[in-house]
Every structure is written in structure tokens, then in C-alpha cells.
Amino acid sequence: MDAIDPVGICCYCSICRKIAGAPFAAVVTTTREAFRVVRGSELLVKYNATPNYDRWHCSRCHASIFGEVTDKATFPLFVSAAILEPNDIAHVTFDHMFVRSLVPWFHIADDRPRHDTYPG
């Protein structure tokens, strides 16, 4: 991503949980204009996870790369925090989205904003 100030989000939706193999997936948001794949773009494949959300992943290792809301052009891309350099996002704080899908055995331990669906 180009030099921007990304917003961090922990997503608790059932699809993110399954893909991450964890109670949530950590993503950072960025504009479509600021995001670019610098190598390996030929390996990217997408699938339509839900009627209005496409997920892009690596066709070799299946690592989640990013997701996009297809029916809202102004929505940011949701880039997997795991693929970014830790020092590049060390300053990012993470809010919570789709907490309505939070599994009962996991408890959010911070006071960051919580959203039942996509944030504003």
C-alpha cells in the first residue's frame, strides 16, 4: 500500500473466521487507488464470497490477500493484515466489525468501537 493511514478492523463474520481459522480476521482498510500488488499478481484469483463481496487470494498458497465490497465503489478494500510488514502497521489500532457474529467463547478485551455490520 502507498503511504496512507490505514484503519484496522477485526472482522468476526463467519466467512472471515473460517478463512482465518480463528475467532476473527485482522484487516486494514485502504482506498482502491492506494493499493497495488507489487509482485505475484498473476497468481491472484477471486471468488464471490457473498452476493456483494469478492475475496482475492493466492492460487498457490491460498493466503487471503484482500476483499472488496462490489456494490459500493466508495468502500475501501480490506487487506489482510497478515500479508503486510509488521512495522508498516505497528501504529494501527483495530476496531471490531460484525460483532453480531462473535463466537461465544471469545471475548473482546479492549474498548475500541464495535459494529454489528460494516462501520459507517
PDB file of N, CA and C in Angstrom:
ATOM      1  N   MET A   1       0.844  -1.170   0.000  1.00  0.00           N
ATOM      2  CA  MET A   1       0.000   0.000   0.000  1.00  0.00           C
ATOM      3  C   MET A   1       0.884   1.227   0.000  1.00  0.00           C
ATOM      4  N   ASP A   2       0.403   2.248  -0.641  1.00  0.00           N
ATOM      5  CA  ASP A   2       1.119   3.509  -0.614  1.00  0.00           C
ATOM      6  C   ASP A   2       1.027   4.105   0.778  1.00  0.00           C
ATOM      7  N   ALA A   3       1.796   5.142   1.022  1.00  0.00           N
ATOM      8  CA  ALA A   3       1.820   5.759   2.345  1.00  0.00           C
ATOM      9  C   ALA A   3       0.469   6.396   2.644  1.00  0.00           C
ATOM     10  N   ILE A   4      -0.320   5.723   3.417  1.00  0.00           N
ATOM     11  CA  ILE A   4      -1.602   6.239   3.873  1.00  0.00           C
ATOM     12  C   ILE A   4      -1.736   5.847   5.335  1.00  0.00           C
ATOM     13  N   ASP A   5      -2.779   6.300   5.967  1.00  0.00           N
ATOM     14  CA  ASP A   5      -3.009   5.924   7.348  1.00  0.00           C
ATOM     15  C   ASP A   5      -4.158   4.937   7.378  1.00  0.00           C
ATOM     16  N   PRO A   6      -3.859   3.640   7.334  1.00  0.00           N
ATOM     17  CA  PRO A   6      -4.938   2.651   7.270  1.00  0.00           C
ATOM     18  C   PRO A   6      -5.694   2.536   8.577  1.00  0.00           C
ATOM     19  N   VAL A   7      -6.915   2.073   8.462  1.00  0.00           N
ATOM     20  CA  VAL A   7      -7.747   1.773   9.622  1.00  0.00           C
ATOM     21  C   VAL A   7      -7.716   0.270   9.804  1.00  0.00           C
ATOM     22  N   GLY A   8      -7.530  -0.179  11.023  1.00  0.00           N
ATOM     23  CA  GLY A   8      -7.516  -1.606  11.299  1.00  0.00           C
ATOM     24  C   GLY A   8      -8.883  -2.084  11.749  1.00  0.00           C
ATOM     25  N   ILE A   9      -9.245  -3.282  11.311  1.00  0.00           N
ATOM     26  CA  ILE A   9     -10.533  -3.863  11.693  1.00  0.00           C
ATOM     27  C   ILE A   9     -10.345  -5.352  11.957  1.00  0.00           C
ATOM     28  N   CYS A  10     -10.929  -5.806  13.047  1.00  0.00           N
ATOM     29  CA  CYS A  10     -11.041  -7.235  13.311  1.00  0.00           C
ATOM     30  C   CYS A  10     -12.452  -7.620  12.883  1.00  0.00           C
ATOM     31  N   CYS A  11     -12.555  -8.540  11.931  1.00  0.00           N
ATOM     32  CA  CYS A  11     -13.854  -8.947  11.415  1.00  0.00           C
ATOM     33  C   CYS A  11     -14.230 -10.304  11.997  1.00  0.00           C
ATOM     34  N   TYR A  12     -15.431 -10.371  12.553  1.00  0.00           N
ATOM     35  CA  TYR A  12     -15.910 -11.576  13.224  1.00  0.00           C
ATOM     36  C   TYR A  12     -16.960 -12.324  12.403  1.00  0.00           C
ATOM     37  N   CYS A  13     -17.142 -11.963  11.130  1.00  0.00           N
ATOM     38  CA  CYS A  13     -18.143 -12.664  10.317  1.00  0.00           C
ATOM     39  C   CYS A  13     -17.736 -14.132  10.148  1.00  0.00           C
ATOM     40  N   SER A  14     -18.706 -14.970   9.859  1.00  0.00           N
ATOM     41  CA  SER A  14     -18.427 -16.408   9.799  1.00  0.00           C
ATOM     42  C   SER A  14     -17.443 -16.756   8.687  1.00  0.00           C
ATOM     43  N   ILE A  15     -17.465 -16.043   7.588  1.00  0.00           N
ATOM     44  CA  ILE A  15     -16.542 -16.339   6.490  1.00  0.00           C
ATOM     45  C   ILE A  15     -15.110 -15.980   6.893  1.00  0.00           C
ATOM     46  N   CYS A  16     -14.915 -14.809   7.472  1.00  0.00           N
ATOM     47  CA  CYS A  16     -13.565 -14.420   7.914  1.00  0.00           C
ATOM     48  C   CYS A  16     -13.032 -15.382   8.965  1.00  0.00           C
ATOM     49  N   ARG A  17     -13.894 -15.791   9.885  1.00  0.00           N
ATOM     50  CA  ARG A  17     -13.452 -16.742  10.911  1.00  0.00           C
ATOM     51  C   ARG A  17     -12.974 -18.041  10.280  1.00  0.00           C
ATOM     52  N   LYS A  18     -13.707 -18.532   9.303  1.00  0.00           N
ATOM     53  CA  LYS A  18     -13.327 -19.796   8.660  1.00  0.00           C
ATOM     54  C   LYS A  18     -12.033 -19.651   7.870  1.00  0.00           C
ATOM     55  N   ILE A  19     -11.898 -18.563   7.144  1.00  0.00           N
ATOM     56  CA  ILE A  19     -10.690 -18.346   6.350  1.00  0.00           C
ATOM     57  C   ILE A  19      -9.469 -18.188   7.249  1.00  0.00           C
ATOM     58  N   ALA A  20      -9.626 -17.457   8.358  1.00  0.00           N
ATOM     59  CA  ALA A  20      -8.507 -17.224   9.267  1.00  0.00           C
ATOM     60  C   ALA A  20      -8.242 -18.426  10.172  1.00  0.00           C
ATOM     61  N   GLY A  21      -9.230 -19.288  10.337  1.00  0.00           N
ATOM     62  CA  GLY A  21      -9.076 -20.391  11.283  1.00  0.00           C
ATOM     63  C   GLY A  21      -8.935 -19.869  12.697  1.00  0.00           C
ATOM     64  N   ALA A  22      -9.643 -18.788  12.963  1.00  0.00           N
ATOM     65  CA  ALA A  22      -9.519 -18.085  14.242  1.00  0.00           C
ATOM     66  C   ALA A  22     -10.833 -17.364  14.533  1.00  0.00           C
ATOM     67  N   PRO A  23     -10.974 -16.761  15.709  1.00  0.00           N
ATOM     68  CA  PRO A  23     -12.233 -16.085  16.030  1.00  0.00           C
ATOM     69  C   PRO A  23     -12.476 -14.805  15.232  1.00  0.00           C
ATOM     70  N   PHE A  24     -11.454 -14.318  14.539  1.00  0.00           N
ATOM     71  CA  PHE A  24     -11.614 -13.131  13.688  1.00  0.00           C
ATOM     72  C   PHE A  24     -10.471 -13.070  12.690  1.00  0.00           C
ATOM     73  N   ALA A  25     -10.649 -12.230  11.686  1.00  0.00           N
ATOM     74  CA  ALA A  25      -9.575 -11.928  10.738  1.00  0.00           C
ATOM     75  C   ALA A  25      -9.207 -10.457  10.903  1.00  0.00           C
ATOM     76  N   ALA A  26      -7.929 -10.160  10.944  1.00  0.00           N
ATOM     77  CA  ALA A  26      -7.455  -8.784  11.064  1.00  0.00           C
ATOM     78  C   ALA A  26      -7.164  -8.233   9.669  1.00  0.00           C
ATOM     79  N   VAL A  27      -7.766  -7.079   9.379  1.00  0.00           N
ATOM     80  CA  VAL A  27      -7.559  -6.426   8.088  1.00  0.00           C
ATOM     81  C   VAL A  27      -7.262  -4.952   8.313  1.00  0.00           C
ATOM     82  N   VAL A  28      -6.649  -4.349   7.321  1.00  0.00           N
ATOM     83  CA  VAL A  28      -6.514  -2.894   7.299  1.00  0.00           C
ATOM     84  C   VAL A  28      -7.212  -2.404   6.046  1.00  0.00           C
ATOM     85  N   THR A  29      -7.817  -1.247   6.156  1.00  0.00           N
ATOM     86  CA  THR A  29      -8.536  -0.703   5.014  1.00  0.00           C
ATOM     87  C   THR A  29      -7.654   0.279   4.262  1.00  0.00           C
ATOM     88  N   THR A  30      -7.917   0.373   2.989  1.00  0.00           N
ATOM     89  CA  THR A  30      -7.209   1.324   2.151  1.00  0.00           C
ATOM     90  C   THR A  30      -8.087   1.640   0.951  1.00  0.00           C
ATOM     91  N   THR A  31      -7.811   2.743   0.319  1.00  0.00           N
ATOM     92  CA  THR A  31      -8.551   3.082  -0.894  1.00  0.00           C
ATOM     93  C   THR A  31      -8.092   2.180  -2.034  1.00  0.00           C
ATOM     94  N   ARG A  32      -8.940   2.024  -2.994  1.00  0.00           N
ATOM     95  CA  ARG A  32      -8.589   1.227  -4.171  1.00  0.00           C
ATOM     96  C   ARG A  32      -7.400   1.837  -4.905  1.00  0.00           C
ATOM     97  N   GLU A  33      -7.309   3.159  -4.891  1.00  0.00           N
ATOM     98  CA  GLU A  33      -6.217   3.851  -5.583  1.00  0.00           C
ATOM     99  C   GLU A  33      -4.878   3.662  -4.888  1.00  0.00           C
ATOM    100  N   ALA A  34      -4.886   3.494  -3.578  1.00  0.00           N
ATOM    101  CA  ALA A  34      -3.638   3.391  -2.821  1.00  0.00           C
ATOM    102  C   ALA A  34      -3.080   1.976  -2.776  1.00  0.00           C
ATOM    103  N   PHE A  35      -3.894   0.978  -3.139  1.00  0.00           N
ATOM    104  CA  PHE A  35      -3.455  -0.411  -3.034  1.00  0.00           C
ATOM    105  C   PHE A  35      -2.946  -0.904  -4.379  1.00  0.00           C
ATOM    106  N   ARG A  36      -1.825  -1.614  -4.329  1.00  0.00           N
ATOM    107  CA  ARG A  36      -1.316  -2.251  -5.549  1.00  0.00           C
ATOM    108  C   ARG A  36      -0.551  -3.509  -5.153  1.00  0.00           C
ATOM    109  N   VAL A  37      -0.636  -4.497  -5.988  1.00  0.00           N
ATOM    110  CA  VAL A  37       0.119  -5.735  -5.794  1.00  0.00           C
ATOM    111  C   VAL A  37       1.431  -5.543  -6.530  1.00  0.00           C
ATOM    112  N   VAL A  38       2.551  -5.647  -5.831  1.00  0.00           N
ATOM    113  CA  VAL A  38       3.848  -5.351  -6.442  1.00  0.00           C
ATOM    114  C   VAL A  38       4.504  -6.567  -7.084  1.00  0.00           C
ATOM    115  N   ARG A  39       4.104  -7.766  -6.675  1.00  0.00           N
ATOM    116  CA  ARG A  39       4.586  -8.960  -7.362  1.00  0.00           C
ATOM    117  C   ARG A  39       3.608 -10.107  -7.099  1.00  0.00           C
ATOM    118  N   GLY A  40       3.521 -10.994  -8.055  1.00  0.00           N
ATOM    119  CA  GLY A  40       2.647 -12.147  -7.929  1.00  0.00           C
ATOM    120  C   GLY A  40       1.203 -11.914  -8.332  1.00  0.00           C
ATOM    121  N   SER A  41       0.911 -10.799  -8.979  1.00  0.00           N
ATOM    122  CA  SER A  41      -0.491 -10.516  -9.344  1.00  0.00           C
ATOM    123  C   SER A  41      -1.068 -11.588 -10.263  1.00  0.00           C
ATOM    124  N   GLU A  42      -0.208 -12.242 -11.033  1.00  0.00           N
ATOM    125  CA  GLU A  42      -0.694 -13.301 -11.932  1.00  0.00           C
ATOM    126  C   GLU A  42      -1.191 -14.527 -11.156  1.00  0.00           C
ATOM    127  N   LEU A  43      -0.852 -14.610  -9.880  1.00  0.00           N
ATOM    128  CA  LEU A  43      -1.281 -15.732  -9.049  1.00  0.00           C
ATOM    129  C   LEU A  43      -2.593 -15.465  -8.308  1.00  0.00           C
ATOM    130  N   LEU A  44      -3.071 -14.221  -8.382  1.00  0.00           N
ATOM    131  CA  LEU A  44      -4.295 -13.875  -7.660  1.00  0.00           C
ATOM    132  C   LEU A  44      -5.529 -14.448  -8.338  1.00  0.00           C
ATOM    133  N   VAL A  45      -6.403 -15.004  -7.531  1.00  0.00           N
ATOM    134  CA  VAL A  45      -7.707 -15.466  -8.013  1.00  0.00           C
ATOM    135  C   VAL A  45      -8.758 -14.918  -7.050  1.00  0.00           C
ATOM    136  N   LYS A  46      -9.953 -14.746  -7.580  1.00  0.00           N
ATOM    137  CA  LYS A  46     -11.013 -14.239  -6.722  1.00  0.00           C
ATOM    138  C   LYS A  46     -12.188 -15.190  -6.721  1.00  0.00           C
ATOM    139  N   TYR A  47     -12.957 -15.088  -5.676  1.00  0.00           N
ATOM    140  CA  TYR A  47     -14.222 -15.789  -5.642  1.00  0.00           C
ATOM    141  C   TYR A  47     -15.244 -14.884  -4.972  1.00  0.00           C
ATOM    142  N   ASN A  48     -16.465 -15.079  -5.356  1.00  0.00           N
ATOM    143  CA  ASN A  48     -17.564 -14.279  -4.830  1.00  0.00           C
ATOM    144  C   ASN A  48     -18.038 -14.932  -3.537  1.00  0.00           C
ATOM    145  N   ALA A  49     -17.600 -14.398  -2.412  1.00  0.00           N
ATOM    146  CA  ALA A  49     -17.894 -14.980  -1.108  1.00  0.00           C
ATOM    147  C   ALA A  49     -19.366 -14.820  -0.725  1.00  0.00           C
ATOM    148  N   THR A  50     -19.919 -13.672  -1.028  1.00  0.00           N
ATOM    149  CA  THR A  50     -21.334 -13.376  -0.825  1.00  0.00           C
ATOM    150  C   THR A  50     -21.773 -12.545  -2.026  1.00  0.00           C
ATOM    151  N   PRO A  51     -23.058 -12.309  -2.199  1.00  0.00           N
ATOM    152  CA  PRO A  51     -23.504 -11.594  -3.405  1.00  0.00           C
ATOM    153  C   PRO A  51     -22.834 -10.250  -3.669  1.00  0.00           C
ATOM    154  N   ASN A  52     -22.327  -9.579  -2.649  1.00  0.00           N
ATOM    155  CA  ASN A  52     -21.705  -8.270  -2.880  1.00  0.00           C
ATOM    156  C   ASN A  52     -20.279  -8.175  -2.336  1.00  0.00           C
ATOM    157  N   TYR A  53     -19.591  -9.319  -2.199  1.00  0.00           N
ATOM    158  CA  TYR A  53     -18.240  -9.275  -1.654  1.00  0.00           C
ATOM    159  C   TYR A  53     -17.352 -10.286  -2.375  1.00  0.00           C
ATOM    160  N   ASP A  54     -16.278  -9.780  -2.984  1.00  0.00           N
ATOM    161  CA  ASP A  54     -15.286 -10.631  -3.636  1.00  0.00           C
ATOM    162  C   ASP A  54     -14.047 -10.718  -2.758  1.00  0.00           C
ATOM    163  N   ARG A  55     -13.483 -11.907  -2.687  1.00  0.00           N
ATOM    164  CA  ARG A  55     -12.243 -12.145  -1.947  1.00  0.00           C
ATOM    165  C   ARG A  55     -11.167 -12.572  -2.939  1.00  0.00           C
ATOM    166  N   TRP A  56      -9.987 -11.998  -2.775  1.00  0.00           N
ATOM    167  CA  TRP A  56      -8.835 -12.327  -3.607  1.00  0.00           C
ATOM    168  C   TRP A  56      -7.831 -13.080  -2.745  1.00  0.00           C
ATOM    169  N   HIS A  57      -7.295 -14.169  -3.290  1.00  0.00           N
ATOM    170  CA  HIS A  57      -6.304 -14.949  -2.560  1.00  0.00           C
ATOM    171  C   HIS A  57      -5.263 -15.489  -3.540  1.00  0.00           C
ATOM    172  N   CYS A  58      -4.175 -16.009  -2.988  1.00  0.00           N
ATOM    173  CA  CYS A  58      -3.108 -16.588  -3.796  1.00  0.00           C
ATOM    174  C   CYS A  58      -3.539 -17.981  -4.258  1.00  0.00           C
ATOM    175  N   SER A  59      -3.399 -18.238  -5.545  1.00  0.00           N
ATOM    176  CA  SER A  59      -3.800 -19.539  -6.095  1.00  0.00           C
ATOM    177  C   SER A  59      -2.842 -20.658  -5.703  1.00  0.00           C
ATOM    178  N   ARG A  60      -1.654 -20.322  -5.234  1.00  0.00           N
ATOM    179  CA  ARG A  60      -0.692 -21.351  -4.811  1.00  0.00           C
ATOM    180  C   ARG A  60      -0.817 -21.699  -3.342  1.00  0.00           C
ATOM    181  N   CYS A  61      -0.710 -20.691  -2.489  1.00  0.00           N
ATOM    182  CA  CYS A  61      -0.712 -20.960  -1.042  1.00  0.00           C
ATOM    183  C   CYS A  61      -2.071 -20.684  -0.396  1.00  0.00           C
ATOM    184  N   HIS A  62      -2.958 -20.078  -1.134  1.00  0.00           N
ATOM    185  CA  HIS A  62      -4.319 -19.743  -0.687  1.00  0.00           C
ATOM    186  C   HIS A  62      -4.365 -18.686   0.407  1.00  0.00           C
ATOM    187  N   ALA A  63      -3.281 -17.951   0.597  1.00  0.00           N
ATOM    188  CA  ALA A  63      -3.288 -16.858   1.567  1.00  0.00           C
ATOM    189  C   ALA A  63      -4.300 -15.809   1.131  1.00  0.00           C
ATOM    190  N   SER A  64      -5.054 -15.322   2.084  1.00  0.00           N
ATOM    191  CA  SER A  64      -6.010 -14.254   1.817  1.00  0.00           C
ATOM    192  C   SER A  64      -5.233 -12.963   1.574  1.00  0.00           C
ATOM    193  N   ILE A  65      -5.553 -12.268   0.489  1.00  0.00           N
ATOM    194  CA  ILE A  65      -4.844 -11.033   0.158  1.00  0.00           C
ATOM    195  C   ILE A  65      -5.717  -9.814   0.450  1.00  0.00           C
ATOM    196  N   PHE A  66      -6.894  -9.739  -0.177  1.00  0.00           N
ATOM    197  CA  PHE A  66      -7.801  -8.626   0.107  1.00  0.00           C
ATOM    198  C   PHE A  66      -9.219  -8.989  -0.289  1.00  0.00           C
ATOM    199  N   GLY A  67     -10.140  -8.172   0.179  1.00  0.00           N
ATOM    200  CA  GLY A  67     -11.540  -8.328  -0.173  1.00  0.00           C
ATOM    201  C   GLY A  67     -12.112  -6.981  -0.560  1.00  0.00           C
ATOM    202  N   GLU A  68     -13.180  -7.020  -1.341  1.00  0.00           N
ATOM    203  CA  GLU A  68     -13.805  -5.767  -1.760  1.00  0.00           C
ATOM    204  C   GLU A  68     -15.317  -5.908  -1.808  1.00  0.00           C
ATOM    205  N   VAL A  69     -15.980  -4.868  -1.334  1.00  0.00           N
ATOM    206  CA  VAL A  69     -17.427  -4.784  -1.424  1.00  0.00           C
ATOM    207  C   VAL A  69     -17.732  -4.326  -2.844  1.00  0.00           C
ATOM    208  N   THR A  70     -18.402  -5.157  -3.625  1.00  0.00           N
ATOM    209  CA  THR A  70     -18.555  -4.892  -5.057  1.00  0.00           C
ATOM    210  C   THR A  70     -19.669  -3.925  -5.402  1.00  0.00           C
ATOM    211  N   ASP A  71     -20.627  -3.741  -4.516  1.00  0.00           N
ATOM    212  CA  ASP A  71     -21.738  -2.849  -4.854  1.00  0.00           C
ATOM    213  C   ASP A  71     -21.622  -1.472  -4.207  1.00  0.00           C
ATOM    214  N   LYS A  72     -20.472  -1.170  -3.615  1.00  0.00           N
ATOM    215  CA  LYS A  72     -20.234   0.136  -3.011  1.00  0.00           C
ATOM    216  C   LYS A  72     -18.837   0.608  -3.408  1.00  0.00           C
ATOM    217  N   ALA A  73     -18.765   1.310  -4.515  1.00  0.00           N
ATOM    218  CA  ALA A  73     -17.471   1.731  -5.064  1.00  0.00           C
ATOM    219  C   ALA A  73     -16.681   2.618  -4.107  1.00  0.00           C
ATOM    220  N   THR A  74     -17.353   3.290  -3.194  1.00  0.00           N
ATOM    221  CA  THR A  74     -16.643   4.175  -2.267  1.00  0.00           C
ATOM    222  C   THR A  74     -16.107   3.443  -1.045  1.00  0.00           C
ATOM    223  N   PHE A  75     -16.488   2.175  -0.867  1.00  0.00           N
ATOM    224  CA  PHE A  75     -15.978   1.405   0.261  1.00  0.00           C
ATOM    225  C   PHE A  75     -14.505   1.092   0.046  1.00  0.00           C
ATOM    226  N   PRO A  76     -13.739   1.019   1.124  1.00  0.00           N
ATOM    227  CA  PRO A  76     -12.320   0.689   0.990  1.00  0.00           C
ATOM    228  C   PRO A  76     -12.128  -0.797   0.681  1.00  0.00           C
ATOM    229  N   LEU A  77     -10.906  -1.125   0.320  1.00  0.00           N
ATOM    230  CA  LEU A  77     -10.516  -2.525   0.240  1.00  0.00           C
ATOM    231  C   LEU A  77     -10.154  -2.980   1.654  1.00  0.00           C
ATOM    232  N   PHE A  78     -10.353  -4.260   1.921  1.00  0.00           N
ATOM    233  CA  PHE A  78      -9.999  -4.847   3.204  1.00  0.00           C
ATOM    234  C   PHE A  78      -8.805  -5.767   2.959  1.00  0.00           C
ATOM    235  N   VAL A  79      -7.615  -5.314   3.332  1.00  0.00           N
ATOM    236  CA  VAL A  79      -6.371  -6.022   3.062  1.00  0.00           C
ATOM    237  C   VAL A  79      -5.963  -6.824   4.298  1.00  0.00           C
ATOM    238  N   SER A  80      -5.630  -8.080   4.082  1.00  0.00           N
ATOM    239  CA  SER A  80      -5.226  -8.936   5.197  1.00  0.00           C
ATOM    240  C   SER A  80      -4.008  -8.330   5.897  1.00  0.00           C
ATOM    241  N   ALA A  81      -4.139  -8.100   7.192  1.00  0.00           N
ATOM    242  CA  ALA A  81      -3.028  -7.532   7.961  1.00  0.00           C
ATOM    243  C   ALA A  81      -1.840  -8.485   7.983  1.00  0.00           C
ATOM    244  N   ALA A  82      -2.095  -9.775   7.856  1.00  0.00           N
ATOM    245  CA  ALA A  82      -1.032 -10.777   7.933  1.00  0.00           C
ATOM    246  C   ALA A  82      -0.042 -10.694   6.771  1.00  0.00           C
ATOM    247  N   ILE A  83      -0.434 -10.116   5.651  1.00  0.00           N
ATOM    248  CA  ILE A  83       0.481 -10.042   4.500  1.00  0.00           C
ATOM    249  C   ILE A  83       1.320  -8.779   4.509  1.00  0.00           C
ATOM    250  N   LEU A  84       1.038  -7.862   5.423  1.00  0.00           N
ATOM    251  CA  LEU A  84       1.753  -6.590   5.467  1.00  0.00           C
ATOM    252  C   LEU A  84       2.937  -6.679   6.425  1.00  0.00           C
ATOM    253  N   GLU A  85       3.917  -5.834   6.187  1.00  0.00           N
ATOM    254  CA  GLU A  85       5.082  -5.791   7.070  1.00  0.00           C
ATOM    255  C   GLU A  85       4.655  -5.268   8.437  1.00  0.00           C
ATOM    256  N   PRO A  86       4.976  -5.983   9.498  1.00  0.00           N
ATOM    257  CA  PRO A  86       4.542  -5.568  10.846  1.00  0.00           C
ATOM    258  C   PRO A  86       4.890  -4.122  11.194  1.00  0.00           C
ATOM    259  N   ASN A  87       6.072  -3.674  10.839  1.00  0.00           N
ATOM    260  CA  ASN A  87       6.464  -2.301  11.160  1.00  0.00           C
ATOM    261  C   ASN A  87       5.628  -1.271  10.411  1.00  0.00           C
ATOM    262  N   ASP A  88       5.102  -1.640   9.245  1.00  0.00           N
ATOM    263  CA  ASP A  88       4.287  -0.705   8.461  1.00  0.00           C
ATOM    264  C   ASP A  88       2.928  -0.440   9.090  1.00  0.00           C
ATOM    265  N   ILE A  89       2.451  -1.369   9.906  1.00  0.00           N
ATOM    266  CA  ILE A  89       1.129  -1.176  10.516  1.00  0.00           C
ATOM    267  C   ILE A  89       1.186  -1.214  12.047  1.00  0.00           C
ATOM    268  N   ALA A  90       2.380  -1.044  12.594  1.00  0.00           N
ATOM    269  CA  ALA A  90       2.540  -1.105  14.056  1.00  0.00           C
ATOM    270  C   ALA A  90       1.738  -0.029  14.781  1.00  0.00           C
ATOM    271  N   HIS A  91       1.481   1.084  14.131  1.00  0.00           N
ATOM    272  CA  HIS A  91       0.756   2.195  14.752  1.00  0.00           C
ATOM    273  C   HIS A  91      -0.768   2.053  14.635  1.00  0.00           C
ATOM    274  N   VAL A  92      -1.239   1.073  13.897  1.00  0.00           N
ATOM    275  CA  VAL A  92      -2.668   0.930  13.618  1.00  0.00           C
ATOM    276  C   VAL A  92      -3.392   0.322  14.817  1.00  0.00           C
ATOM    277  N   THR A  93      -4.527   0.907  15.173  1.00  0.00           N
ATOM    278  CA  THR A  93      -5.401   0.319  16.182  1.00  0.00           C
ATOM    279  C   THR A  93      -6.569  -0.343  15.453  1.00  0.00           C
ATOM    280  N   PHE A  94      -7.105  -1.383  16.049  1.00  0.00           N
ATOM    281  CA  PHE A  94      -8.113  -2.197  15.370  1.00  0.00           C
ATOM    282  C   PHE A  94      -9.477  -2.074  16.033  1.00  0.00           C
ATOM    283  N   ASP A  95     -10.463  -1.640  15.232  1.00  0.00           N
ATOM    284  CA  ASP A  95     -11.858  -1.638  15.658  1.00  0.00           C
ATOM    285  C   ASP A  95     -12.440  -3.018  15.351  1.00  0.00           C
ATOM    286  N   HIS A  96     -13.703  -3.213  15.653  1.00  0.00           N
ATOM    287  CA  HIS A  96     -14.330  -4.523  15.510  1.00  0.00           C
ATOM    288  C   HIS A  96     -15.585  -4.421  14.649  1.00  0.00           C
ATOM    289  N   MET A  97     -15.733  -5.338  13.677  1.00  0.00           N
ATOM    290  CA  MET A  97     -16.926  -5.328  12.840  1.00  0.00           C
ATOM    291  C   MET A  97     -17.537  -6.722  12.770  1.00  0.00           C
ATOM    292  N   PHE A  98     -18.821  -6.736  12.509  1.00  0.00           N
ATOM    293  CA  PHE A  98     -19.636  -7.953  12.509  1.00  0.00           C
ATOM    294  C   PHE A  98     -19.560  -8.666  13.856  1.00  0.00           C
ATOM    295  N   VAL A  99     -19.578  -7.848  14.917  1.00  0.00           N
ATOM    296  CA  VAL A  99     -19.555  -8.431  16.260  1.00  0.00           C
ATOM    297  C   VAL A  99     -20.843  -9.202  16.561  1.00  0.00           C
ATOM    298  N   ARG A 100     -21.872  -8.999  15.761  1.00  0.00           N
ATOM    299  CA  ARG A 100     -23.099  -9.794  15.939  1.00  0.00           C
ATOM    300  C   ARG A 100     -22.823 -11.281  15.688  1.00  0.00           C
ATOM    301  N   SER A 101     -21.711 -11.574  15.000  1.00  0.00           N
ATOM    302  CA  SER A 101     -21.331 -12.958  14.709  1.00  0.00           C
ATOM    303  C   SER A 101     -20.226 -13.476  15.627  1.00  0.00           C
ATOM    304  N   LEU A 102     -19.903 -12.714  16.646  1.00  0.00           N
ATOM    305  CA  LEU A 102     -18.852 -13.105  17.593  1.00  0.00           C
ATOM    306  C   LEU A 102     -19.178 -14.463  18.218  1.00  0.00           C
ATOM    307  N   VAL A 103     -18.202 -15.367  18.205  1.00  0.00           N
ATOM    308  CA  VAL A 103     -18.415 -16.680  18.818  1.00  0.00           C
ATOM    309  C   VAL A 103     -18.470 -16.521  20.337  1.00  0.00           C
ATOM    310  N   PRO A 104     -19.289 -17.303  21.014  1.00  0.00           N
ATOM    311  CA  PRO A 104     -19.481 -17.105  22.456  1.00  0.00           C
ATOM    312  C   PRO A 104     -18.253 -17.395  23.309  1.00  0.00           C
ATOM    313  N   TRP A 105     -17.298 -18.130  22.802  1.00  0.00           N
ATOM    314  CA  TRP A 105     -16.124 -18.484  23.604  1.00  0.00           C
ATOM    315  C   TRP A 105     -14.985 -17.490  23.481  1.00  0.00           C
ATOM    316  N   PHE A 106     -15.161 -16.423  22.658  1.00  0.00           N
ATOM    317  CA  PHE A 106     -14.118 -15.403  22.521  1.00  0.00           C
ATOM    318  C   PHE A 106     -14.641 -14.088  23.075  1.00  0.00           C
ATOM    319  N   HIS A 107     -13.803 -13.400  23.842  1.00  0.00           N
ATOM    320  CA  HIS A 107     -14.205 -12.128  24.438  1.00  0.00           C
ATOM    321  C   HIS A 107     -13.270 -11.022  23.959  1.00  0.00           C
ATOM    322  N   ILE A 108     -13.846  -9.952  23.470  1.00  0.00           N
ATOM    323  CA  ILE A 108     -13.067  -8.787  23.049  1.00  0.00           C
ATOM    324  C   ILE A 108     -12.600  -8.074  24.316  1.00  0.00           C
ATOM    325  N   ALA A 109     -11.295  -7.860  24.410  1.00  0.00           N
ATOM    326  CA  ALA A 109     -10.722  -7.345  25.659  1.00  0.00           C
ATOM    327  C   ALA A 109     -10.383  -5.857  25.626  1.00  0.00           C
ATOM    328  N   ASP A 110     -10.748  -5.151  24.562  1.00  0.00           N
ATOM    329  CA  ASP A 110     -10.434  -3.723  24.518  1.00  0.00           C
ATOM    330  C   ASP A 110     -11.725  -2.916  24.410  1.00  0.00           C
ATOM    331  N   ASP A 111     -11.566  -1.606  24.404  1.00  0.00           N
ATOM    332  CA  ASP A 111     -12.739  -0.743  24.337  1.00  0.00           C
ATOM    333  C   ASP A 111     -12.851  -0.019  22.986  1.00  0.00           C
ATOM    334  N   ARG A 112     -12.236  -0.579  21.959  1.00  0.00           N
ATOM    335  CA  ARG A 112     -12.318   0.010  20.620  1.00  0.00           C
ATOM    336  C   ARG A 112     -13.754  -0.098  20.103  1.00  0.00           C
ATOM    337  N   PRO A 113     -14.142   0.749  19.152  1.00  0.00           N
ATOM    338  CA  PRO A 113     -15.513   0.712  18.626  1.00  0.00           C
ATOM    339  C   PRO A 113     -15.895  -0.661  18.083  1.00  0.00           C
ATOM    340  N   ARG A 114     -17.168  -1.003  18.292  1.00  0.00           N
ATOM    341  CA  ARG A 114     -17.721  -2.283  17.841  1.00  0.00           C
ATOM    342  C   ARG A 114     -18.916  -2.006  16.935  1.00  0.00           C
ATOM    343  N   HIS A 115     -18.969  -2.727  15.811  1.00  0.00           N
ATOM    344  CA  HIS A 115     -20.038  -2.533  14.827  1.00  0.00           C
ATOM    345  C   HIS A 115     -20.700  -3.870  14.540  1.00  0.00           C
ATOM    346  N   ASP A 116     -22.014  -3.878  14.452  1.00  0.00           N
ATOM    347  CA  ASP A 116     -22.741  -5.113  14.127  1.00  0.00           C
ATOM    348  C   ASP A 116     -22.575  -5.506  12.670  1.00  0.00           C
ATOM    349  N   THR A 117     -22.328  -4.511  11.803  1.00  0.00           N
ATOM    350  CA  THR A 117     -22.105  -4.771  10.371  1.00  0.00           C
ATOM    351  C   THR A 117     -20.899  -3.947   9.947  1.00  0.00           C
ATOM    352  N   TYR A 118     -20.883  -3.493   8.697  1.00  0.00           N
ATOM    353  CA  TYR A 118     -19.789  -2.633   8.246  1.00  0.00           C
ATOM    354  C   TYR A 118     -19.834  -1.313   9.009  1.00  0.00           C
ATOM    355  N   PRO A 119     -18.669  -0.760   9.364  1.00  0.00           N
ATOM    356  CA  PRO A 119     -18.655   0.563  10.003  1.00  0.00           C
ATOM    357  C   PRO A 119     -19.191   1.628   9.046  1.00  0.00           C
ATOM    358  N   GLY A 120     -19.845   2.634   9.589  1.00  0.00           N
ATOM    359  CA  GLY A 120     -20.393   3.777   8.854  1.00  0.00           C
ATOM    360  C   GLY A 120     -20.020   3.806   7.441  1.00  0.00           C
TER     361      GLY A 120
END
